[in-house]
Amino acid sequence: MRTENIEVTFKIPIPVDKPDLNGVIYSKEAIRNAYKNVKDVPIEIPCSDGRFLPIGATQEVELIEDENDMYITGVGLVWYGGTEENVEIEEGKVTSFKVNGIGIAKE
């Protein structure tokens, strides 16, 4: 089932004062300053040649701090995607299906 403008929500943990998966250490102050006014930035996936391909855009991003952790939450749109499924068709119409996966498409 293919569609467009899929609303997505996300929650991304931010490691503070310890290495992220790239080995980079970020201070709390740097994180707070970076996320003051983030919105309308691309949602991207990496390509094999080192570039990033935009697949959507964020609409809202918020930095959340609790006593132990920092993370960002947000809402955005992924332009294209849908579900992968096995279908039964009768008279040109799907009458039954099983969802096998959720996908994001380039276009």
C-alpha atoms as a PDB file:
ATOM      1  CA  MET A   1       0.000   0.000   0.000  1.00  0.00           C
ATOM      2  CA  ARG A   2       1.844   3.079  -1.236  1.00  0.00           C
ATOM      3  CA  THR A   3       1.126   6.556   0.060  1.00  0.00           C
ATOM      4  CA  GLU A   4       2.698   9.971   0.477  1.00  0.00           C
ATOM      5  CA  ASN A   5       3.182  12.520   3.245  1.00  0.00           C
ATOM      6  CA  ILE A   6       3.476  10.034   6.083  1.00  0.00           C
ATOM      7  CA  GLU A   7       3.453  11.770   9.461  1.00  0.00           C
ATOM      8  CA  VAL A   8       6.201  10.403  11.698  1.00  0.00           C
ATOM      9  CA  THR A   9       7.121  10.967  15.322  1.00  0.00           C
ATOM     10  CA  PHE A  10      10.558  10.234  16.682  1.00  0.00           C
ATOM     11  CA  LYS A  11      12.521  10.101  19.910  1.00  0.00           C
ATOM     12  CA  ILE A  12      16.306  10.138  19.613  1.00  0.00           C
ATOM     13  CA  PRO A  13      18.510   9.594  22.687  1.00  0.00           C
ATOM     14  CA  ILE A  14      21.421  12.033  22.986  1.00  0.00           C
ATOM     15  CA  PRO A  15      24.543  10.708  24.739  1.00  0.00           C
ATOM     16  CA  VAL A  16      25.960  13.403  27.024  1.00  0.00           C
ATOM     17  CA  ASP A  17      29.639  13.541  28.034  1.00  0.00           C
ATOM     18  CA  LYS A  18      30.222  10.068  26.567  1.00  0.00           C
ATOM     19  CA  PRO A  19      30.982   8.922  23.017  1.00  0.00           C
ATOM     20  CA  ASP A  20      28.132   8.507  20.525  1.00  0.00           C
ATOM     21  CA  LEU A  21      28.299   5.715  17.934  1.00  0.00           C
ATOM     22  CA  ASN A  22      30.746   7.835  15.899  1.00  0.00           C
ATOM     23  CA  GLY A  23      33.043   8.248  18.915  1.00  0.00           C
ATOM     24  CA  VAL A  24      32.178  11.963  19.304  1.00  0.00           C
ATOM     25  CA  ILE A  25      31.549  13.459  22.764  1.00  0.00           C
ATOM     26  CA  TYR A  26      29.012  16.325  23.098  1.00  0.00           C
ATOM     27  CA  SER A  27      28.667  18.632  26.113  1.00  0.00           C
ATOM     28  CA  LYS A  28      25.249  19.515  27.574  1.00  0.00           C
ATOM     29  CA  GLU A  29      25.800  23.172  26.683  1.00  0.00           C
ATOM     30  CA  ALA A  30      26.552  22.349  23.029  1.00  0.00           C
ATOM     31  CA  ILE A  31      23.434  20.154  22.831  1.00  0.00           C
ATOM     32  CA  ARG A  32      21.196  22.789  24.434  1.00  0.00           C
ATOM     33  CA  ASN A  33      22.458  25.505  22.074  1.00  0.00           C
ATOM     34  CA  ALA A  34      22.091  23.347  18.961  1.00  0.00           C
ATOM     35  CA  TYR A  35      18.458  22.422  19.614  1.00  0.00           C
ATOM     36  CA  LYS A  36      17.075  25.871  20.547  1.00  0.00           C
ATOM     37  CA  ASN A  37      15.333  26.551  17.219  1.00  0.00           C
ATOM     38  CA  VAL A  38      15.416  23.378  15.141  1.00  0.00           C
ATOM     39  CA  LYS A  39      12.543  22.869  12.693  1.00  0.00           C
ATOM     40  CA  ASP A  40      12.060  22.310   8.991  1.00  0.00           C
ATOM     41  CA  VAL A  41      15.318  20.364   8.627  1.00  0.00           C
ATOM     42  CA  PRO A  42      15.534  17.350   6.296  1.00  0.00           C
ATOM     43  CA  ILE A  43      14.968  13.755   7.373  1.00  0.00           C
ATOM     44  CA  GLU A  44      17.716  11.907   5.526  1.00  0.00           C
ATOM     45  CA  ILE A  45      19.184   8.462   4.834  1.00  0.00           C
ATOM     46  CA  PRO A  46      22.816   7.830   3.912  1.00  0.00           C
ATOM     47  CA  CYS A  47      23.735   6.836   0.356  1.00  0.00           C
ATOM     48  CA  SER A  48      26.570   4.487  -0.534  1.00  0.00           C
ATOM     49  CA  ASP A  49      28.712   7.379  -1.827  1.00  0.00           C
ATOM     50  CA  GLY A  50      28.767   9.245   1.529  1.00  0.00           C
ATOM     51  CA  ARG A  51      26.037  11.754   0.644  1.00  0.00           C
ATOM     52  CA  PHE A  52      22.653  11.935   2.367  1.00  0.00           C
ATOM     53  CA  LEU A  53      19.337  11.626   0.537  1.00  0.00           C
ATOM     54  CA  PRO A  54      16.413  13.688   1.891  1.00  0.00           C
ATOM     55  CA  ILE A  55      13.294  11.542   2.359  1.00  0.00           C
ATOM     56  CA  GLY A  56      11.194  14.063   4.291  1.00  0.00           C
ATOM     57  CA  ALA A  57      11.317  17.043   6.629  1.00  0.00           C
ATOM     58  CA  THR A  58      10.854  17.739  10.320  1.00  0.00           C
ATOM     59  CA  GLN A  59       8.122  20.102  11.413  1.00  0.00           C
ATOM     60  CA  GLU A  60       8.889  20.310  15.143  1.00  0.00           C
ATOM     61  CA  VAL A  61      11.883  19.229  17.230  1.00  0.00           C
ATOM     62  CA  GLU A  62      12.143  19.591  21.012  1.00  0.00           C
ATOM     63  CA  LEU A  63      15.023  18.865  23.373  1.00  0.00           C
ATOM     64  CA  ILE A  64      13.909  17.006  26.520  1.00  0.00           C
ATOM     65  CA  GLU A  65      16.040  16.730  29.646  1.00  0.00           C
ATOM     66  CA  ASP A  66      15.268  14.612  32.663  1.00  0.00           C
ATOM     67  CA  GLU A  67      17.488  13.848  35.636  1.00  0.00           C
ATOM     68  CA  ASN A  68      19.452  11.142  33.814  1.00  0.00           C
ATOM     69  CA  ASP A  69      19.044  11.615  30.064  1.00  0.00           C
ATOM     70  CA  MET A  70      18.703  14.035  27.171  1.00  0.00           C
ATOM     71  CA  TYR A  71      16.791  13.244  24.002  1.00  0.00           C
ATOM     72  CA  ILE A  72      14.998  14.980  21.172  1.00  0.00           C
ATOM     73  CA  THR A  73      11.431  14.337  20.167  1.00  0.00           C
ATOM     74  CA  GLY A  74       9.817  15.538  17.020  1.00  0.00           C
ATOM     75  CA  VAL A  75       7.201  15.338  14.328  1.00  0.00           C
ATOM     76  CA  GLY A  76       7.779  15.381  10.606  1.00  0.00           C
ATOM     77  CA  LEU A  77       6.719  14.121   7.208  1.00  0.00           C
ATOM     78  CA  VAL A  78       8.287  11.331   5.180  1.00  0.00           C
ATOM     79  CA  TRP A  79       7.327  11.992   1.585  1.00  0.00           C
ATOM     80  CA  TYR A  80       6.688   8.443   0.323  1.00  0.00           C
ATOM     81  CA  GLY A  81       6.352   4.942   1.686  1.00  0.00           C
ATOM     82  CA  GLY A  82       3.790   2.501   2.925  1.00  0.00           C
ATOM     83  CA  THR A  83       3.403  -1.156   3.710  1.00  0.00           C
ATOM     84  CA  GLU A  84       4.712  -4.327   2.139  1.00  0.00           C
ATOM     85  CA  GLU A  85       2.038  -6.989   2.136  1.00  0.00           C
ATOM     86  CA  ASN A  86       0.715 -10.267   0.764  1.00  0.00           C
ATOM     87  CA  VAL A  87      -2.712  -9.673  -0.768  1.00  0.00           C
ATOM     88  CA  GLU A  88      -5.730 -11.572  -1.985  1.00  0.00           C
ATOM     89  CA  ILE A  89      -7.547  -9.880  -4.867  1.00  0.00           C
ATOM     90  CA  GLU A  90     -11.072 -10.494  -6.107  1.00  0.00           C
ATOM     91  CA  GLU A  91     -12.566  -8.552  -9.010  1.00  0.00           C
ATOM     92  CA  GLY A  92      -9.712  -6.040  -9.000  1.00  0.00           C
ATOM     93  CA  LYS A  93     -10.020  -5.186  -5.286  1.00  0.00           C
ATOM     94  CA  VAL A  94      -7.924  -6.330  -2.333  1.00  0.00           C
ATOM     95  CA  THR A  95     -10.211  -8.390  -0.102  1.00  0.00           C
ATOM     96  CA  SER A  96      -7.613  -9.542   2.421  1.00  0.00           C
ATOM     97  CA  PHE A  97      -3.974  -8.867   3.178  1.00  0.00           C
ATOM     98  CA  LYS A  98      -1.171  -9.493   5.675  1.00  0.00           C
ATOM     99  CA  VAL A  99       1.286  -6.697   6.463  1.00  0.00           C
ATOM    100  CA  ASN A 100       4.896  -7.937   6.210  1.00  0.00           C
ATOM    101  CA  GLY A 101       6.721  -4.649   6.697  1.00  0.00           C
ATOM    102  CA  ILE A 102       6.693  -0.865   6.755  1.00  0.00           C
ATOM    103  CA  GLY A 103       8.830   0.926   4.172  1.00  0.00           C
ATOM    104  CA  ILE A 104      10.178   4.323   3.223  1.00  0.00           C
ATOM    105  CA  ALA A 105      10.598   5.107  -0.494  1.00  0.00           C
ATOM    106  CA  LYS A 106      12.898   7.590  -2.215  1.00  0.00           C
ATOM    107  CA  GLU A 107      10.009   8.908  -4.332  1.00  0.00           C
END
